[in-house]
Amino acid sequence: MNGIYIIGLTGPSGAGKSTVVSLLQQKGLACIDADQTARQVTTKGAPCLAALQKAFGDNILLPDGNLNRRALADIAFSTPEKTKLLNDITHPIIVDAINREIAALRQSGCPAVLLDAPTLFQSGANRLCDRVVVVTAPPETRLRRIMQRDHLDQTAALARMHAALPDEFFTQHADDLIQNDAGLPTLQRQVDRLYATLQRMVPRS
């Protein structure tokens, strides 16, 4: 697409996307981390942070004026309406920033890039992609990972899961599906097969 092949990688929270990204990066695939992009556009003084403060209140800020991501998540994922408000504010700004990152990679001659984006579909960033890879895992495994990763109790972790798209949506919209439910060796074999497929798909210069 436009001189660079874009692979979107997404899936439900706790599925183990970061491990898959790491394995693909070890093979030399460039990566744009949408979460990191989101952090960059919500730094202190950024227009996006000001909009979030106006929408969700001063309690989402730390004493130094930076974003308190835990406080924002607690509020934004408490109801579907607040989740939608969060998305409406942040997604257009994040996608614009991702487009600038893609343009820079294209200018450098990079043939392909992995777009690691948990909210790939919700943000509309899937429309930038030539191919979509979805990583899944059983709900009980994901719940445990979310609790451990984000230091949440079960109620808060379940609320985070319920605020996301259903598993069926991800699997129905995947060009490639990786099931992260049988340990690292099995995961590695799936990634190897995926990478072989991607090598065939990426246009040669």
N, C-alpha and C. Protein backbone atom coordinates (compact mmCIF):
# COMPACT_ATOMS: atom_id res chain seq x y z
N MET A 1 0.85 -1.20 0.00
CA MET A 1 0.00 0.00 0.00
C MET A 1 0.88 1.24 0.00
N ASN A 2 0.79 2.04 -1.10
CA ASN A 2 1.52 3.29 -1.17
C ASN A 2 3.01 3.14 -0.91
N GLY A 3 3.59 2.03 -1.42
CA GLY A 3 5.02 1.87 -1.32
C GLY A 3 5.52 1.16 -0.08
N ILE A 4 4.64 0.82 0.84
CA ILE A 4 5.04 0.08 2.04
C ILE A 4 3.91 -0.87 2.42
N TYR A 5 4.24 -2.09 2.75
CA TYR A 5 3.23 -3.10 3.10
C TYR A 5 2.98 -3.02 4.61
N ILE A 6 1.72 -2.82 4.99
CA ILE A 6 1.38 -2.58 6.39
C ILE A 6 0.60 -3.76 6.94
N ILE A 7 1.14 -4.35 7.99
CA ILE A 7 0.51 -5.50 8.65
C ILE A 7 -0.03 -5.04 10.00
N GLY A 8 -1.33 -5.01 10.14
CA GLY A 8 -1.93 -4.68 11.42
C GLY A 8 -1.95 -5.89 12.33
N LEU A 9 -1.55 -5.70 13.59
CA LEU A 9 -1.58 -6.78 14.57
C LEU A 9 -2.43 -6.33 15.75
N THR A 10 -3.43 -7.13 16.08
CA THR A 10 -4.35 -6.76 17.15
C THR A 10 -4.90 -8.02 17.80
N GLY A 11 -5.87 -7.83 18.68
CA GLY A 11 -6.47 -8.94 19.40
C GLY A 11 -6.95 -8.46 20.76
N PRO A 12 -7.70 -9.29 21.46
CA PRO A 12 -8.21 -8.89 22.77
C PRO A 12 -7.10 -8.71 23.79
N SER A 13 -7.34 -7.87 24.77
CA SER A 13 -6.35 -7.60 25.81
C SER A 13 -5.96 -8.89 26.54
N GLY A 14 -4.67 -9.05 26.78
CA GLY A 14 -4.19 -10.22 27.48
C GLY A 14 -3.92 -11.42 26.60
N ALA A 15 -4.05 -11.26 25.28
CA ALA A 15 -3.85 -12.40 24.38
C ALA A 15 -2.37 -12.73 24.18
N GLY A 16 -1.50 -11.80 24.51
CA GLY A 16 -0.07 -12.05 24.32
C GLY A 16 0.48 -11.44 23.06
N LYS A 17 -0.10 -10.31 22.63
CA LYS A 17 0.34 -9.65 21.40
C LYS A 17 1.79 -9.21 21.49
N SER A 18 2.21 -8.74 22.65
CA SER A 18 3.57 -8.23 22.80
C SER A 18 4.61 -9.31 22.51
N THR A 19 4.33 -10.54 22.91
CA THR A 19 5.26 -11.64 22.62
C THR A 19 5.37 -11.89 21.13
N VAL A 20 4.23 -11.86 20.45
CA VAL A 20 4.24 -12.06 19.00
C VAL A 20 5.00 -10.93 18.32
N VAL A 21 4.78 -9.71 18.75
CA VAL A 21 5.50 -8.57 18.18
C VAL A 21 7.01 -8.75 18.37
N SER A 22 7.40 -9.14 19.58
CA SER A 22 8.82 -9.34 19.85
C SER A 22 9.43 -10.40 18.93
N LEU A 23 8.72 -11.49 18.72
CA LEU A 23 9.21 -12.56 17.85
C LEU A 23 9.35 -12.09 16.40
N LEU A 24 8.42 -11.26 15.95
CA LEU A 24 8.49 -10.74 14.59
C LEU A 24 9.60 -9.70 14.45
N GLN A 25 9.79 -8.90 15.48
CA GLN A 25 10.88 -7.93 15.44
C GLN A 25 12.24 -8.63 15.41
N GLN A 26 12.35 -9.76 16.08
CA GLN A 26 13.59 -10.53 16.05
C GLN A 26 13.92 -11.00 14.64
N LYS A 27 12.90 -11.10 13.80
CA LYS A 27 13.11 -11.49 12.41
C LYS A 27 13.42 -10.29 11.51
N GLY A 28 13.44 -9.10 12.11
CA GLY A 28 13.81 -7.91 11.36
C GLY A 28 12.66 -7.06 10.87
N LEU A 29 11.43 -7.38 11.29
CA LEU A 29 10.28 -6.61 10.84
C LEU A 29 10.17 -5.31 11.65
N ALA A 30 10.08 -4.19 10.96
CA ALA A 30 9.90 -2.90 11.62
C ALA A 30 8.53 -2.85 12.29
N CYS A 31 8.41 -2.06 13.35
CA CYS A 31 7.15 -2.03 14.11
C CYS A 31 6.82 -0.61 14.54
N ILE A 32 5.54 -0.28 14.43
CA ILE A 32 4.99 0.93 15.03
C ILE A 32 4.11 0.48 16.19
N ASP A 33 4.40 0.98 17.38
CA ASP A 33 3.67 0.64 18.59
C ASP A 33 2.61 1.71 18.83
N ALA A 34 1.35 1.39 18.57
CA ALA A 34 0.29 2.38 18.70
C ALA A 34 0.13 2.84 20.15
N ASP A 35 0.40 1.97 21.11
CA ASP A 35 0.33 2.38 22.52
C ASP A 35 1.38 3.46 22.81
N GLN A 36 2.59 3.28 22.26
CA GLN A 36 3.63 4.28 22.45
C GLN A 36 3.25 5.58 21.76
N THR A 37 2.64 5.47 20.59
CA THR A 37 2.16 6.66 19.90
C THR A 37 1.12 7.38 20.74
N ALA A 38 0.22 6.61 21.37
CA ALA A 38 -0.81 7.20 22.23
C ALA A 38 -0.18 7.94 23.41
N ARG A 39 0.90 7.41 23.94
CA ARG A 39 1.59 8.09 25.04
C ARG A 39 2.19 9.42 24.56
N GLN A 40 2.72 9.40 23.36
CA GLN A 40 3.35 10.60 22.83
C GLN A 40 2.35 11.73 22.60
N VAL A 41 1.14 11.39 22.17
CA VAL A 41 0.15 12.44 21.88
C VAL A 41 -0.61 12.88 23.12
N THR A 42 -0.37 12.23 24.27
CA THR A 42 -1.04 12.63 25.52
C THR A 42 -0.03 13.11 26.56
N THR A 43 1.12 13.59 26.10
CA THR A 43 2.09 14.14 27.04
C THR A 43 1.59 15.48 27.57
N LYS A 44 2.21 15.94 28.64
CA LYS A 44 1.84 17.21 29.27
C LYS A 44 1.91 18.35 28.26
N GLY A 45 0.83 19.10 28.19
CA GLY A 45 0.77 20.22 27.27
C GLY A 45 0.20 19.90 25.90
N ALA A 46 0.00 18.62 25.60
CA ALA A 46 -0.52 18.24 24.29
C ALA A 46 -2.02 18.55 24.20
N PRO A 47 -2.49 18.96 23.02
CA PRO A 47 -3.93 19.25 22.86
C PRO A 47 -4.82 18.07 23.22
N CYS A 48 -4.35 16.85 22.93
CA CYS A 48 -5.15 15.67 23.25
C CYS A 48 -5.36 15.54 24.76
N LEU A 49 -4.33 15.81 25.53
CA LEU A 49 -4.46 15.72 26.98
C LEU A 49 -5.43 16.78 27.50
N ALA A 50 -5.38 17.96 26.93
CA ALA A 50 -6.31 19.02 27.33
C ALA A 50 -7.75 18.61 27.06
N ALA A 51 -7.98 17.96 25.92
CA ALA A 51 -9.33 17.50 25.58
C ALA A 51 -9.79 16.41 26.54
N LEU A 52 -8.88 15.51 26.92
CA LEU A 52 -9.23 14.46 27.89
C LEU A 52 -9.55 15.06 29.25
N GLN A 53 -8.78 16.03 29.66
CA GLN A 53 -9.03 16.68 30.95
C GLN A 53 -10.40 17.36 30.96
N LYS A 54 -10.74 18.01 29.87
CA LYS A 54 -12.03 18.67 29.78
C LYS A 54 -13.17 17.66 29.84
N ALA A 55 -12.97 16.50 29.21
CA ALA A 55 -14.03 15.49 29.13
C ALA A 55 -14.17 14.69 30.42
N PHE A 56 -13.04 14.36 31.07
CA PHE A 56 -13.06 13.42 32.19
C PHE A 56 -12.69 14.04 33.54
N GLY A 57 -12.26 15.29 33.54
CA GLY A 57 -12.00 15.97 34.80
C GLY A 57 -10.54 15.99 35.20
N ASP A 58 -10.23 16.80 36.21
CA ASP A 58 -8.86 16.99 36.66
C ASP A 58 -8.28 15.76 37.34
N ASN A 59 -9.13 14.84 37.75
CA ASN A 59 -8.64 13.65 38.47
C ASN A 59 -7.82 12.72 37.58
N ILE A 60 -7.84 12.93 36.27
CA ILE A 60 -7.04 12.07 35.38
C ILE A 60 -5.59 12.56 35.29
N LEU A 61 -5.29 13.66 35.99
CA LEU A 61 -3.93 14.20 35.95
C LEU A 61 -3.17 13.87 37.23
N LEU A 62 -1.88 13.64 37.08
CA LEU A 62 -0.98 13.51 38.21
C LEU A 62 -0.66 14.91 38.75
N PRO A 63 -0.12 15.00 39.96
CA PRO A 63 0.21 16.32 40.51
C PRO A 63 1.12 17.16 39.62
N ASP A 64 1.97 16.51 38.81
CA ASP A 64 2.88 17.26 37.94
C ASP A 64 2.25 17.64 36.61
N GLY A 65 0.97 17.31 36.41
CA GLY A 65 0.28 17.68 35.18
C GLY A 65 0.30 16.64 34.09
N ASN A 66 1.01 15.55 34.32
CA ASN A 66 1.02 14.47 33.34
C ASN A 66 -0.22 13.60 33.50
N LEU A 67 -0.49 12.78 32.49
CA LEU A 67 -1.67 11.93 32.51
C LEU A 67 -1.50 10.78 33.49
N ASN A 68 -2.50 10.57 34.32
CA ASN A 68 -2.59 9.40 35.19
C ASN A 68 -3.39 8.34 34.42
N ARG A 69 -2.68 7.44 33.76
CA ARG A 69 -3.34 6.51 32.86
C ARG A 69 -4.27 5.55 33.60
N ARG A 70 -3.89 5.18 34.78
CA ARG A 70 -4.74 4.28 35.57
C ARG A 70 -6.06 4.98 35.92
N ALA A 71 -5.98 6.24 36.33
CA ALA A 71 -7.19 6.98 36.69
C ALA A 71 -8.09 7.17 35.46
N LEU A 72 -7.48 7.48 34.32
CA LEU A 72 -8.27 7.64 33.10
C LEU A 72 -8.95 6.34 32.72
N ALA A 73 -8.22 5.23 32.80
CA ALA A 73 -8.79 3.93 32.45
C ALA A 73 -9.96 3.58 33.37
N ASP A 74 -9.80 3.84 34.66
CA ASP A 74 -10.87 3.52 35.61
C ASP A 74 -12.16 4.25 35.26
N ILE A 75 -12.04 5.50 34.81
CA ILE A 75 -13.22 6.28 34.45
C ILE A 75 -13.73 5.87 33.07
N ALA A 76 -12.80 5.81 32.11
CA ALA A 76 -13.20 5.62 30.71
C ALA A 76 -13.81 4.25 30.44
N PHE A 77 -13.38 3.24 31.20
CA PHE A 77 -13.91 1.89 30.96
C PHE A 77 -15.06 1.54 31.90
N SER A 78 -15.57 2.54 32.61
CA SER A 78 -16.65 2.27 33.56
C SER A 78 -18.01 2.13 32.89
N THR A 79 -18.19 2.77 31.74
CA THR A 79 -19.43 2.64 30.97
C THR A 79 -19.11 2.66 29.48
N PRO A 80 -19.95 2.05 28.66
CA PRO A 80 -19.72 2.11 27.21
C PRO A 80 -19.70 3.54 26.67
N GLU A 81 -20.52 4.40 27.25
CA GLU A 81 -20.58 5.79 26.79
C GLU A 81 -19.24 6.51 27.02
N LYS A 82 -18.64 6.27 28.18
CA LYS A 82 -17.36 6.92 28.48
C LYS A 82 -16.23 6.32 27.65
N THR A 83 -16.32 5.02 27.38
CA THR A 83 -15.33 4.40 26.50
C THR A 83 -15.40 5.01 25.11
N LYS A 84 -16.62 5.22 24.61
CA LYS A 84 -16.79 5.83 23.29
C LYS A 84 -16.24 7.25 23.28
N LEU A 85 -16.47 7.99 24.36
CA LEU A 85 -15.97 9.35 24.45
C LEU A 85 -14.44 9.37 24.40
N LEU A 86 -13.82 8.46 25.14
CA LEU A 86 -12.36 8.34 25.10
C LEU A 86 -11.88 8.07 23.68
N ASN A 87 -12.52 7.12 23.01
CA ASN A 87 -12.12 6.76 21.66
C ASN A 87 -12.32 7.92 20.68
N ASP A 88 -13.44 8.62 20.82
CA ASP A 88 -13.72 9.73 19.91
C ASP A 88 -12.68 10.83 20.03
N ILE A 89 -12.15 11.03 21.22
CA ILE A 89 -11.13 12.06 21.42
C ILE A 89 -9.76 11.60 20.93
N THR A 90 -9.37 10.39 21.30
CA THR A 90 -7.99 9.96 21.08
C THR A 90 -7.72 9.34 19.71
N HIS A 91 -8.65 8.58 19.19
CA HIS A 91 -8.36 7.80 17.99
C HIS A 91 -7.96 8.63 16.78
N PRO A 92 -8.68 9.70 16.44
CA PRO A 92 -8.26 10.48 15.27
C PRO A 92 -6.84 11.05 15.41
N ILE A 93 -6.50 11.48 16.60
CA ILE A 93 -5.17 12.05 16.83
C ILE A 93 -4.10 10.98 16.73
N ILE A 94 -4.38 9.80 17.29
CA ILE A 94 -3.41 8.71 17.23
C ILE A 94 -3.21 8.24 15.80
N VAL A 95 -4.29 8.11 15.04
CA VAL A 95 -4.18 7.65 13.66
C VAL A 95 -3.39 8.66 12.82
N ASP A 96 -3.60 9.94 13.04
CA ASP A 96 -2.82 10.95 12.34
C ASP A 96 -1.33 10.78 12.62
N ALA A 97 -1.00 10.54 13.89
CA ALA A 97 0.40 10.34 14.26
C ALA A 97 0.97 9.08 13.64
N ILE A 98 0.18 8.01 13.61
CA ILE A 98 0.62 6.76 12.97
C ILE A 98 0.88 6.99 11.49
N ASN A 99 0.03 7.75 10.83
CA ASN A 99 0.24 8.05 9.41
C ASN A 99 1.56 8.76 9.18
N ARG A 100 1.94 9.64 10.09
CA ARG A 100 3.22 10.34 9.96
C ARG A 100 4.39 9.35 10.14
N GLU A 101 4.23 8.40 11.08
CA GLU A 101 5.27 7.40 11.27
C GLU A 101 5.41 6.51 10.05
N ILE A 102 4.28 6.12 9.45
CA ILE A 102 4.31 5.29 8.24
C ILE A 102 4.99 6.05 7.11
N ALA A 103 4.66 7.33 6.98
CA ALA A 103 5.25 8.14 5.91
C ALA A 103 6.77 8.22 6.06
N ALA A 104 7.24 8.35 7.30
CA ALA A 104 8.69 8.42 7.53
C ALA A 104 9.36 7.10 7.16
N LEU A 105 8.73 5.97 7.51
CA LEU A 105 9.29 4.67 7.15
C LEU A 105 9.29 4.47 5.64
N ARG A 106 8.21 4.88 4.99
CA ARG A 106 8.13 4.77 3.53
C ARG A 106 9.24 5.59 2.88
N GLN A 107 9.46 6.79 3.40
CA GLN A 107 10.49 7.65 2.85
C GLN A 107 11.88 7.03 3.00
N SER A 108 12.06 6.26 4.07
CA SER A 108 13.36 5.63 4.33
C SER A 108 13.59 4.39 3.47
N GLY A 109 12.53 3.96 2.76
CA GLY A 109 12.65 2.78 1.91
C GLY A 109 12.27 1.48 2.58
N CYS A 110 11.68 1.55 3.78
CA CYS A 110 11.27 0.35 4.50
C CYS A 110 10.17 -0.37 3.70
N PRO A 111 10.32 -1.67 3.41
CA PRO A 111 9.34 -2.36 2.57
C PRO A 111 8.06 -2.76 3.29
N ALA A 112 8.15 -2.97 4.62
CA ALA A 112 6.99 -3.46 5.37
C ALA A 112 7.09 -3.01 6.82
N VAL A 113 5.94 -2.84 7.46
CA VAL A 113 5.92 -2.46 8.86
C VAL A 113 4.77 -3.16 9.56
N LEU A 114 5.02 -3.55 10.79
CA LEU A 114 3.99 -4.13 11.65
C LEU A 114 3.37 -3.02 12.48
N LEU A 115 2.07 -2.87 12.40
CA LEU A 115 1.36 -1.88 13.21
C LEU A 115 0.70 -2.60 14.38
N ASP A 116 1.32 -2.48 15.54
CA ASP A 116 0.84 -3.12 16.76
C ASP A 116 -0.19 -2.20 17.40
N ALA A 117 -1.46 -2.54 17.26
CA ALA A 117 -2.53 -1.62 17.68
C ALA A 117 -3.67 -2.38 18.34
N PRO A 118 -3.76 -2.36 19.67
CA PRO A 118 -4.86 -3.04 20.35
C PRO A 118 -6.24 -2.57 19.89
N THR A 119 -6.36 -1.28 19.53
CA THR A 119 -7.64 -0.75 19.06
C THR A 119 -7.60 -0.51 17.56
N LEU A 120 -7.04 -1.45 16.84
CA LEU A 120 -6.88 -1.31 15.39
C LEU A 120 -8.22 -1.05 14.70
N PHE A 121 -9.24 -1.83 15.04
CA PHE A 121 -10.54 -1.69 14.39
C PHE A 121 -11.31 -0.50 14.94
N GLN A 122 -11.28 -0.32 16.26
CA GLN A 122 -12.04 0.77 16.86
C GLN A 122 -11.58 2.14 16.35
N SER A 123 -10.27 2.26 16.10
CA SER A 123 -9.71 3.54 15.66
C SER A 123 -9.84 3.76 14.16
N GLY A 124 -10.16 2.70 13.43
CA GLY A 124 -10.20 2.78 11.97
C GLY A 124 -8.85 2.60 11.33
N ALA A 125 -7.81 2.32 12.14
CA ALA A 125 -6.47 2.13 11.60
C ALA A 125 -6.37 0.88 10.74
N ASN A 126 -7.33 -0.04 10.86
CA ASN A 126 -7.32 -1.22 9.99
C ASN A 126 -7.40 -0.85 8.52
N ARG A 127 -7.96 0.34 8.23
CA ARG A 127 -8.07 0.79 6.84
C ARG A 127 -6.72 1.16 6.24
N LEU A 128 -5.72 1.31 7.10
CA LEU A 128 -4.37 1.58 6.62
C LEU A 128 -3.65 0.30 6.22
N CYS A 129 -4.20 -0.85 6.61
CA CYS A 129 -3.45 -2.11 6.54
C CYS A 129 -3.75 -2.92 5.29
N ASP A 130 -2.71 -3.60 4.82
CA ASP A 130 -2.86 -4.55 3.73
C ASP A 130 -3.27 -5.93 4.25
N ARG A 131 -2.94 -6.20 5.51
CA ARG A 131 -3.22 -7.52 6.10
C ARG A 131 -3.40 -7.32 7.60
N VAL A 132 -4.29 -8.11 8.20
CA VAL A 132 -4.55 -8.02 9.63
C VAL A 132 -4.28 -9.37 10.29
N VAL A 133 -3.43 -9.34 11.30
CA VAL A 133 -3.10 -10.51 12.11
C VAL A 133 -3.76 -10.35 13.48
N VAL A 134 -4.47 -11.38 13.91
CA VAL A 134 -5.14 -11.35 15.21
C VAL A 134 -4.52 -12.41 16.11
N VAL A 135 -4.20 -12.01 17.35
CA VAL A 135 -3.69 -12.93 18.37
C VAL A 135 -4.80 -13.16 19.39
N THR A 136 -5.11 -14.41 19.67
CA THR A 136 -6.15 -14.74 20.63
C THR A 136 -5.61 -15.67 21.72
N ALA A 137 -6.36 -15.77 22.80
CA ALA A 137 -6.06 -16.70 23.89
C ALA A 137 -7.36 -16.93 24.65
N PRO A 138 -7.46 -18.03 25.40
CA PRO A 138 -8.68 -18.29 26.16
C PRO A 138 -8.98 -17.17 27.16
N PRO A 139 -10.25 -16.88 27.41
CA PRO A 139 -10.62 -15.79 28.31
C PRO A 139 -9.99 -15.90 29.70
N GLU A 140 -9.93 -17.12 30.25
CA GLU A 140 -9.37 -17.27 31.59
C GLU A 140 -7.88 -16.95 31.61
N THR A 141 -7.20 -17.27 30.52
CA THR A 141 -5.77 -16.93 30.41
C THR A 141 -5.60 -15.44 30.30
N ARG A 142 -6.41 -14.81 29.50
CA ARG A 142 -6.33 -13.36 29.33
C ARG A 142 -6.64 -12.63 30.63
N LEU A 143 -7.64 -13.10 31.36
CA LEU A 143 -7.99 -12.48 32.64
C LEU A 143 -6.80 -12.51 33.59
N ARG A 144 -6.17 -13.65 33.69
CA ARG A 144 -5.01 -13.77 34.59
C ARG A 144 -3.87 -12.84 34.16
N ARG A 145 -3.62 -12.77 32.86
CA ARG A 145 -2.55 -11.90 32.36
C ARG A 145 -2.84 -10.43 32.63
N ILE A 146 -4.08 -10.02 32.41
CA ILE A 146 -4.46 -8.62 32.64
C ILE A 146 -4.29 -8.26 34.11
N MET A 147 -4.74 -9.14 34.98
CA MET A 147 -4.61 -8.88 36.42
C MET A 147 -3.14 -8.73 36.82
N GLN A 148 -2.30 -9.61 36.29
CA GLN A 148 -0.88 -9.56 36.63
C GLN A 148 -0.19 -8.36 35.99
N ARG A 149 -0.48 -8.13 34.73
CA ARG A 149 0.20 -7.07 33.97
C ARG A 149 -0.15 -5.68 34.49
N ASP A 150 -1.44 -5.45 34.74
CA ASP A 150 -1.91 -4.11 35.09
C ASP A 150 -2.18 -3.95 36.59
N HIS A 151 -1.88 -5.00 37.36
CA HIS A 151 -2.07 -4.96 38.82
C HIS A 151 -3.52 -4.59 39.17
N LEU A 152 -4.46 -5.31 38.55
CA LEU A 152 -5.88 -5.08 38.77
C LEU A 152 -6.49 -6.24 39.52
N ASP A 153 -7.58 -5.94 40.25
CA ASP A 153 -8.34 -7.05 40.83
C ASP A 153 -9.23 -7.63 39.74
N GLN A 154 -9.90 -8.73 40.05
CA GLN A 154 -10.67 -9.43 39.03
C GLN A 154 -11.80 -8.57 38.47
N THR A 155 -12.48 -7.80 39.33
CA THR A 155 -13.59 -6.97 38.88
C THR A 155 -13.12 -5.95 37.85
N ALA A 156 -12.01 -5.28 38.15
CA ALA A 156 -11.49 -4.27 37.24
C ALA A 156 -11.00 -4.89 35.94
N ALA A 157 -10.37 -6.05 36.04
CA ALA A 157 -9.87 -6.72 34.85
C ALA A 157 -11.02 -7.17 33.95
N LEU A 158 -12.08 -7.69 34.55
CA LEU A 158 -13.25 -8.10 33.77
C LEU A 158 -13.91 -6.90 33.09
N ALA A 159 -13.94 -5.76 33.79
CA ALA A 159 -14.51 -4.56 33.19
C ALA A 159 -13.70 -4.14 31.97
N ARG A 160 -12.39 -4.28 32.05
CA ARG A 160 -11.52 -3.96 30.92
C ARG A 160 -11.82 -4.89 29.74
N MET A 161 -12.00 -6.16 30.04
CA MET A 161 -12.30 -7.13 28.98
C MET A 161 -13.66 -6.87 28.35
N HIS A 162 -14.66 -6.56 29.17
CA HIS A 162 -16.01 -6.37 28.67
C HIS A 162 -16.14 -5.09 27.84
N ALA A 163 -15.22 -4.14 28.05
CA ALA A 163 -15.26 -2.89 27.30
C ALA A 163 -14.70 -3.06 25.89
N ALA A 164 -14.07 -4.20 25.63
CA ALA A 164 -13.43 -4.44 24.33
C ALA A 164 -14.39 -5.12 23.36
N LEU A 165 -13.95 -5.24 22.13
CA LEU A 165 -14.72 -5.97 21.13
C LEU A 165 -14.79 -7.45 21.50
N PRO A 166 -15.87 -8.14 21.14
CA PRO A 166 -15.96 -9.57 21.44
C PRO A 166 -14.95 -10.37 20.64
N ASP A 167 -14.57 -11.52 21.19
CA ASP A 167 -13.58 -12.38 20.54
C ASP A 167 -13.99 -12.72 19.10
N GLU A 168 -15.28 -12.95 18.90
CA GLU A 168 -15.76 -13.36 17.58
C GLU A 168 -15.48 -12.29 16.53
N PHE A 169 -15.54 -11.04 16.93
CA PHE A 169 -15.26 -9.96 15.98
C PHE A 169 -13.83 -10.07 15.47
N PHE A 170 -12.90 -10.28 16.39
CA PHE A 170 -11.49 -10.37 15.98
C PHE A 170 -11.27 -11.52 15.02
N THR A 171 -11.79 -12.69 15.35
CA THR A 171 -11.53 -13.86 14.51
C THR A 171 -12.19 -13.71 13.14
N GLN A 172 -13.34 -13.06 13.08
CA GLN A 172 -14.04 -12.88 11.81
C GLN A 172 -13.33 -11.88 10.89
N HIS A 173 -12.53 -10.99 11.48
CA HIS A 173 -11.88 -9.94 10.69
C HIS A 173 -10.38 -10.17 10.54
N ALA A 174 -9.92 -11.38 10.82
CA ALA A 174 -8.50 -11.68 10.73
C ALA A 174 -8.15 -12.28 9.38
N ASP A 175 -7.07 -11.81 8.78
CA ASP A 175 -6.48 -12.50 7.63
C ASP A 175 -5.63 -13.67 8.10
N ASP A 176 -5.00 -13.49 9.27
CA ASP A 176 -4.18 -14.54 9.88
C ASP A 176 -4.52 -14.59 11.37
N LEU A 177 -4.66 -15.79 11.91
CA LEU A 177 -5.04 -15.97 13.31
C LEU A 177 -3.94 -16.75 14.03
N ILE A 178 -3.45 -16.17 15.14
CA ILE A 178 -2.48 -16.85 15.98
C ILE A 178 -3.14 -17.15 17.32
N GLN A 179 -3.15 -18.42 17.69
CA GLN A 179 -3.78 -18.84 18.95
C GLN A 179 -2.68 -19.07 19.99
N ASN A 180 -2.62 -18.16 20.95
CA ASN A 180 -1.57 -18.18 21.96
C ASN A 180 -2.08 -18.91 23.20
N ASP A 181 -2.18 -20.25 23.07
CA ASP A 181 -2.78 -21.02 24.15
C ASP A 181 -2.03 -22.32 24.45
N ALA A 182 -0.80 -22.47 23.91
CA ALA A 182 -0.12 -23.76 24.08
C ALA A 182 1.38 -23.61 24.32
N GLY A 183 1.80 -22.49 24.87
CA GLY A 183 3.21 -22.34 25.21
C GLY A 183 4.04 -21.70 24.11
N LEU A 184 5.25 -21.26 24.48
CA LEU A 184 6.11 -20.51 23.58
C LEU A 184 6.55 -21.29 22.35
N PRO A 185 6.94 -22.58 22.47
CA PRO A 185 7.37 -23.29 21.25
C PRO A 185 6.28 -23.34 20.17
N THR A 186 5.04 -23.60 20.58
CA THR A 186 3.93 -23.62 19.63
C THR A 186 3.69 -22.23 19.05
N LEU A 187 3.79 -21.22 19.89
CA LEU A 187 3.63 -19.85 19.42
C LEU A 187 4.71 -19.50 18.40
N GLN A 188 5.94 -19.90 18.69
CA GLN A 188 7.05 -19.61 17.78
C GLN A 188 6.81 -20.26 16.41
N ARG A 189 6.29 -21.48 16.39
CA ARG A 189 6.03 -22.14 15.11
C ARG A 189 4.96 -21.38 14.32
N GLN A 190 3.95 -20.89 15.01
CA GLN A 190 2.91 -20.11 14.33
C GLN A 190 3.48 -18.81 13.75
N VAL A 191 4.35 -18.18 14.52
CA VAL A 191 4.97 -16.93 14.05
C VAL A 191 5.87 -17.21 12.85
N ASP A 192 6.59 -18.31 12.89
CA ASP A 192 7.45 -18.68 11.76
C ASP A 192 6.62 -18.85 10.49
N ARG A 193 5.48 -19.52 10.62
CA ARG A 193 4.61 -19.72 9.44
C ARG A 193 4.06 -18.37 8.95
N LEU A 194 3.68 -17.53 9.90
CA LEU A 194 3.17 -16.21 9.53
C LEU A 194 4.23 -15.41 8.79
N TYR A 195 5.44 -15.43 9.32
CA TYR A 195 6.51 -14.64 8.70
C TYR A 195 6.80 -15.14 7.28
N ALA A 196 6.76 -16.44 7.09
CA ALA A 196 6.96 -16.99 5.75
C ALA A 196 5.87 -16.49 4.80
N THR A 197 4.64 -16.43 5.28
CA THR A 197 3.54 -15.91 4.47
C THR A 197 3.77 -14.44 4.14
N LEU A 198 4.18 -13.67 5.13
CA LEU A 198 4.40 -12.24 4.91
C LEU A 198 5.52 -11.99 3.91
N GLN A 199 6.54 -12.81 3.95
CA GLN A 199 7.63 -12.65 3.00
C GLN A 199 7.15 -12.83 1.56
N ARG A 200 6.18 -13.70 1.38
CA ARG A 200 5.62 -13.88 0.03
C ARG A 200 4.72 -12.72 -0.38
N MET A 201 4.12 -12.06 0.61
CA MET A 201 3.17 -11.00 0.30
C MET A 201 3.83 -9.65 0.05
N VAL A 202 4.95 -9.39 0.71
CA VAL A 202 5.58 -8.07 0.62
C VAL A 202 6.20 -7.92 -0.78
N PRO A 203 5.82 -6.86 -1.49
CA PRO A 203 6.37 -6.64 -2.83
C PRO A 203 7.88 -6.43 -2.78
N ARG A 204 8.58 -6.99 -3.73
CA ARG A 204 10.03 -6.80 -3.82
C ARG A 204 10.33 -5.52 -4.57
N SER A 205 11.34 -4.81 -4.09
CA SER A 205 11.72 -3.56 -4.75
C SER A 205 12.58 -3.86 -5.97
